[in-house]
Amino acid sequence: MPKITFIEHNGTHHEVQVAVGLSVMEAARDNNVPGIEADCGGACACSTCHVYVDTSWNEKLPVKDAMEEDMLDFAWEPSELSRLTCQIRVTEDLDGLIVRMPEKQI
């Protein structure tokens, strides 16, 4: 089962095991990781599951689609490393993924 590390803005680490096929957002929600609000439940209709993907993983993830790009415009301090966790499906290839939470979600 792949492991994902969530790092809160204050530096607190949460390493969780995730079933293949779930989204990274579902992994955070199911493991009570603070900082991922996921107000829309994963419908890509808000930006409250925004994270910054660790630079070592940025090129390994699927490309953002237009809907995700549009929603990231509403995220707190988006950058080129910004992703919505509801749009990243967990595969075995994501074992070791590291994401950092922004200071807050909007």
C-alpha atoms as a PDB file:
ATOM      1  CA  MET A   1       0.000   0.000   0.000  1.00  0.00           C
ATOM      2  CA  PRO A   2       1.522   3.374  -1.003  1.00  0.00           C
ATOM      3  CA  LYS A   3       2.569   5.841   1.696  1.00  0.00           C
ATOM      4  CA  ILE A   4       1.999   9.574   1.411  1.00  0.00           C
ATOM      5  CA  THR A   5       3.523  12.189   3.683  1.00  0.00           C
ATOM      6  CA  PHE A   6       1.486  15.296   4.414  1.00  0.00           C
ATOM      7  CA  ILE A   7       3.419  18.176   5.963  1.00  0.00           C
ATOM      8  CA  GLU A   8       1.448  20.848   7.750  1.00  0.00           C
ATOM      9  CA  HIS A   9       2.442  24.504   7.411  1.00  0.00           C
ATOM     10  CA  ASN A  10       3.945  24.308  10.927  1.00  0.00           C
ATOM     11  CA  GLY A  11       6.162  21.370   9.901  1.00  0.00           C
ATOM     12  CA  THR A  12       4.175  18.541  11.496  1.00  0.00           C
ATOM     13  CA  HIS A  13       4.423  15.367   9.403  1.00  0.00           C
ATOM     14  CA  HIS A  14       1.631  12.847   8.851  1.00  0.00           C
ATOM     15  CA  GLU A  15       2.621   9.652   7.038  1.00  0.00           C
ATOM     16  CA  VAL A  16      -0.375   7.612   5.945  1.00  0.00           C
ATOM     17  CA  GLN A  17      -0.911   4.429   3.987  1.00  0.00           C
ATOM     18  CA  VAL A  18      -3.404   4.765   1.172  1.00  0.00           C
ATOM     19  CA  ALA A  19      -5.339   2.222  -0.843  1.00  0.00           C
ATOM     20  CA  VAL A  20      -4.699   2.387  -4.563  1.00  0.00           C
ATOM     21  CA  GLY A  21      -7.553   4.123  -6.385  1.00  0.00           C
ATOM     22  CA  LEU A  22      -8.403   6.646  -3.684  1.00  0.00           C
ATOM     23  CA  SER A  23      -7.577  10.300  -4.169  1.00  0.00           C
ATOM     24  CA  VAL A  24      -4.886  12.006  -2.118  1.00  0.00           C
ATOM     25  CA  MET A  25      -7.706  14.123  -0.644  1.00  0.00           C
ATOM     26  CA  GLU A  26      -9.555  10.987   0.486  1.00  0.00           C
ATOM     27  CA  ALA A  27      -6.338   9.736   2.077  1.00  0.00           C
ATOM     28  CA  ALA A  28      -6.069  12.946   4.108  1.00  0.00           C
ATOM     29  CA  ARG A  29      -9.747  12.916   5.056  1.00  0.00           C
ATOM     30  CA  ASP A  30      -9.806   9.237   6.030  1.00  0.00           C
ATOM     31  CA  ASN A  31      -6.697   9.670   8.193  1.00  0.00           C
ATOM     32  CA  ASN A  32      -7.808  12.912   9.868  1.00  0.00           C
ATOM     33  CA  VAL A  33      -4.926  14.932   8.448  1.00  0.00           C
ATOM     34  CA  PRO A  34      -5.557  18.558   9.463  1.00  0.00           C
ATOM     35  CA  GLY A  35      -5.335  21.244   6.804  1.00  0.00           C
ATOM     36  CA  ILE A  36      -7.231  19.477   4.018  1.00  0.00           C
ATOM     37  CA  GLU A  37     -10.801  20.730   4.308  1.00  0.00           C
ATOM     38  CA  ALA A  38     -12.237  19.294   1.066  1.00  0.00           C
ATOM     39  CA  ASP A  39     -15.448  21.295   1.309  1.00  0.00           C
ATOM     40  CA  CYS A  40     -16.782  20.040  -2.044  1.00  0.00           C
ATOM     41  CA  GLY A  41     -16.066  16.391  -1.245  1.00  0.00           C
ATOM     42  CA  GLY A  42     -13.729  15.907  -4.171  1.00  0.00           C
ATOM     43  CA  ALA A  43     -15.785  17.399  -7.013  1.00  0.00           C
ATOM     44  CA  CYS A  44     -13.074  19.913  -8.005  1.00  0.00           C
ATOM     45  CA  ALA A  45     -15.519  22.684  -7.135  1.00  0.00           C
ATOM     46  CA  CYS A  46     -13.457  24.458  -4.487  1.00  0.00           C
ATOM     47  CA  SER A  47      -9.801  24.827  -3.628  1.00  0.00           C
ATOM     48  CA  THR A  48      -9.857  23.653  -0.015  1.00  0.00           C
ATOM     49  CA  CYS A  49      -7.729  20.569  -0.662  1.00  0.00           C
ATOM     50  CA  HIS A  50      -4.856  22.615  -2.086  1.00  0.00           C
ATOM     51  CA  VAL A  51      -1.285  21.448  -1.432  1.00  0.00           C
ATOM     52  CA  TYR A  52       2.211  22.100  -2.719  1.00  0.00           C
ATOM     53  CA  VAL A  53       3.726  18.969  -4.207  1.00  0.00           C
ATOM     54  CA  ASP A  54       7.331  18.344  -3.217  1.00  0.00           C
ATOM     55  CA  THR A  55       9.608  19.383  -6.081  1.00  0.00           C
ATOM     56  CA  SER A  56      10.914  15.820  -6.460  1.00  0.00           C
ATOM     57  CA  TRP A  57       7.353  14.693  -7.320  1.00  0.00           C
ATOM     58  CA  ASN A  58       6.112  17.549  -9.473  1.00  0.00           C
ATOM     59  CA  GLU A  59       7.061  15.943 -12.805  1.00  0.00           C
ATOM     60  CA  LYS A  60       5.868  12.472 -11.745  1.00  0.00           C
ATOM     61  CA  LEU A  61       2.209  13.403 -11.368  1.00  0.00           C
ATOM     62  CA  PRO A  62      -0.387  13.538 -14.125  1.00  0.00           C
ATOM     63  CA  VAL A  63      -0.717  16.928 -15.791  1.00  0.00           C
ATOM     64  CA  LYS A  64      -3.306  19.310 -14.329  1.00  0.00           C
ATOM     65  CA  ASP A  65      -6.439  19.569 -16.434  1.00  0.00           C
ATOM     66  CA  ALA A  66      -8.147  22.885 -17.219  1.00  0.00           C
ATOM     67  CA  MET A  67     -10.717  22.532 -14.427  1.00  0.00           C
ATOM     68  CA  GLU A  68      -8.019  22.023 -11.783  1.00  0.00           C
ATOM     69  CA  GLU A  69      -6.027  24.963 -13.183  1.00  0.00           C
ATOM     70  CA  ASP A  70      -9.124  27.161 -12.942  1.00  0.00           C
ATOM     71  CA  MET A  71      -9.861  26.132  -9.348  1.00  0.00           C
ATOM     72  CA  LEU A  72      -6.251  26.748  -8.291  1.00  0.00           C
ATOM     73  CA  ASP A  73      -6.829  30.426  -9.098  1.00  0.00           C
ATOM     74  CA  PHE A  74      -8.939  30.480  -5.913  1.00  0.00           C
ATOM     75  CA  ALA A  75      -6.355  28.730  -3.716  1.00  0.00           C
ATOM     76  CA  TRP A  76      -4.284  30.413  -1.027  1.00  0.00           C
ATOM     77  CA  GLU A  77      -0.991  31.553  -2.578  1.00  0.00           C
ATOM     78  CA  PRO A  78      -0.869  29.109  -5.510  1.00  0.00           C
ATOM     79  CA  SER A  79       2.471  28.300  -7.148  1.00  0.00           C
ATOM     80  CA  GLU A  80       3.765  26.083  -9.926  1.00  0.00           C
ATOM     81  CA  LEU A  81       3.843  23.275  -7.330  1.00  0.00           C
ATOM     82  CA  SER A  82       0.168  23.696  -6.399  1.00  0.00           C
ATOM     83  CA  ARG A  83      -2.254  20.820  -6.869  1.00  0.00           C
ATOM     84  CA  LEU A  84      -5.720  19.918  -5.687  1.00  0.00           C
ATOM     85  CA  THR A  85      -5.499  16.622  -3.844  1.00  0.00           C
ATOM     86  CA  CYS A  86      -8.946  15.577  -5.051  1.00  0.00           C
ATOM     87  CA  GLN A  87      -7.507  15.414  -8.576  1.00  0.00           C
ATOM     88  CA  ILE A  88      -4.606  13.066  -7.790  1.00  0.00           C
ATOM     89  CA  ARG A  89      -5.494   9.362  -7.822  1.00  0.00           C
ATOM     90  CA  VAL A  90      -3.213   7.127  -5.787  1.00  0.00           C
ATOM     91  CA  THR A  91      -1.273   4.487  -7.696  1.00  0.00           C
ATOM     92  CA  GLU A  92       1.624   2.278  -6.615  1.00  0.00           C
ATOM     93  CA  ASP A  93       3.880   4.767  -8.435  1.00  0.00           C
ATOM     94  CA  LEU A  94       2.959   7.429  -5.875  1.00  0.00           C
ATOM     95  CA  ASP A  95       4.503   5.499  -2.977  1.00  0.00           C
ATOM     96  CA  GLY A  96       6.535   8.085  -1.053  1.00  0.00           C
ATOM     97  CA  LEU A  97       4.657  11.154  -2.346  1.00  0.00           C
ATOM     98  CA  ILE A  98       5.266  14.255  -0.221  1.00  0.00           C
ATOM     99  CA  VAL A  99       2.848  17.189  -0.143  1.00  0.00           C
ATOM    100  CA  ARG A 100       2.938  20.370   1.919  1.00  0.00           C
ATOM    101  CA  MET A 101      -0.153  22.206   3.119  1.00  0.00           C
ATOM    102  CA  PRO A 102      -0.480  25.966   2.670  1.00  0.00           C
ATOM    103  CA  GLU A 103      -0.817  28.248   5.660  1.00  0.00           C
ATOM    104  CA  LYS A 104      -4.582  28.126   5.208  1.00  0.00           C
ATOM    105  CA  GLN A 105      -7.285  27.047   2.799  1.00  0.00           C
ATOM    106  CA  ILE A 106      -9.710  29.526   1.277  1.00  0.00           C
END
